[in-house]
């Protein structure tokens, strides 16, 4: 069986909001904060239980690359979020 190798990268999002171009196969936005996170108009609510998180993911197929420029912003509350990217090696 031929297995495809990949790497995973985790990056914090700027608390002031902004734009990020992901250039990867799969991307997940994770909200750990107490406020909402909005990514390209999609609302990611804060977790309802302390220590947990809510997320929004987009997956691609082998050989695909997401080149979307994602705009994100935080609502009222503590802004704590990361983006996790999977890149094929």
Protein backbone atom coordinates (compact mmCIF):
# COMPACT_ATOMS: atom_id res chain seq x y z
CA UNK A 1 0.00 0.00 0.00
CA UNK A 2 1.38 3.41 -1.01
CA UNK A 3 0.71 5.94 1.75
CA UNK A 4 0.80 9.69 1.21
CA UNK A 5 2.76 11.67 3.81
CA UNK A 6 1.59 15.00 5.19
CA UNK A 7 2.48 17.58 7.83
CA UNK A 8 0.22 19.43 10.28
CA UNK A 9 0.76 23.04 11.26
CA UNK A 10 -1.04 24.97 14.02
CA UNK A 11 -1.02 28.78 14.10
CA UNK A 12 -2.71 31.26 16.46
CA UNK A 13 -5.07 33.79 14.89
CA UNK A 14 -4.49 37.51 15.47
CA UNK A 15 -6.88 38.78 18.16
CA UNK A 16 -7.67 41.86 16.06
CA UNK A 17 -9.00 39.76 13.18
CA UNK A 18 -7.64 39.79 9.67
CA UNK A 19 -7.14 37.76 6.52
CA UNK A 20 -5.18 34.55 6.06
CA UNK A 21 -4.44 32.60 2.87
CA UNK A 22 -4.09 28.97 3.93
CA UNK A 23 -2.43 27.23 0.91
CA UNK A 24 -3.06 23.71 2.24
CA UNK A 25 -5.16 20.60 1.64
CA UNK A 26 -7.30 20.73 4.82
CA UNK A 27 -7.98 23.61 7.19
CA UNK A 28 -9.70 23.83 10.58
CA UNK A 29 -10.51 26.99 12.52
CA UNK A 30 -10.83 26.29 16.26
CA UNK A 31 -12.47 28.73 18.68
CA UNK A 32 -11.33 28.35 22.33
CA UNK A 33 -12.43 31.83 23.42
CA UNK A 34 -15.50 33.20 25.16
CA UNK A 35 -16.64 35.21 22.12
CA UNK A 36 -17.72 34.27 18.64
CA UNK A 37 -15.34 33.76 15.71
CA UNK A 38 -16.64 34.52 12.22
CA UNK A 39 -14.77 33.09 9.21
CA UNK A 40 -15.94 34.23 5.75
CA UNK A 41 -19.41 34.80 7.18
CA UNK A 42 -19.60 31.46 9.02
CA UNK A 43 -20.19 31.87 12.75
CA UNK A 44 -18.19 29.63 15.10
CA UNK A 45 -19.74 30.05 18.55
CA UNK A 46 -17.73 29.91 21.75
CA UNK A 47 -17.69 26.57 23.57
CA UNK A 48 -20.51 26.02 26.05
CA UNK A 49 -18.26 24.08 28.46
CA UNK A 50 -14.95 25.45 29.75
CA UNK A 51 -11.94 23.62 28.34
CA UNK A 52 -13.73 22.56 25.16
CA UNK A 53 -13.89 24.19 21.70
CA UNK A 54 -15.96 24.61 18.56
CA UNK A 55 -14.53 24.34 15.06
CA UNK A 56 -15.15 24.78 11.35
CA UNK A 57 -13.27 22.48 8.94
CA UNK A 58 -12.83 22.20 5.19
CA UNK A 59 -11.22 19.08 3.80
CA UNK A 60 -9.67 18.52 0.41
CA UNK A 61 -8.59 15.52 -1.62
CA UNK A 62 -5.07 14.35 -2.33
CA UNK A 63 -3.47 16.76 -4.77
CA UNK A 64 -5.86 19.62 -4.00
CA UNK A 65 -4.81 22.90 -2.38
CA UNK A 66 -7.13 25.45 -0.75
CA UNK A 67 -5.96 28.94 -1.78
CA UNK A 68 -8.92 30.79 -0.30
CA UNK A 69 -8.25 34.08 1.47
CA UNK A 70 -10.21 33.66 4.71
CA UNK A 71 -11.40 36.80 6.47
CA UNK A 72 -11.96 36.36 10.18
CA UNK A 73 -13.14 38.51 13.04
CA UNK A 74 -13.98 38.08 16.70
CA UNK A 75 -17.11 39.17 18.52
CA UNK A 76 -17.28 40.43 22.10
CA UNK A 77 -15.45 38.24 24.61
CA UNK A 78 -12.00 36.73 24.85
CA UNK A 79 -10.47 36.12 21.40
CA UNK A 80 -8.60 32.80 21.47
CA UNK A 81 -8.47 30.76 18.27
CA UNK A 82 -6.06 28.74 16.14
CA UNK A 83 -5.96 27.49 12.59
CA UNK A 84 -4.77 23.94 11.87
CA UNK A 85 -3.50 23.23 8.35
CA UNK A 86 -2.67 19.87 6.77
CA UNK A 87 -0.15 19.92 3.92
CA UNK A 88 0.78 16.90 1.81
CA UNK A 89 4.53 16.28 1.74
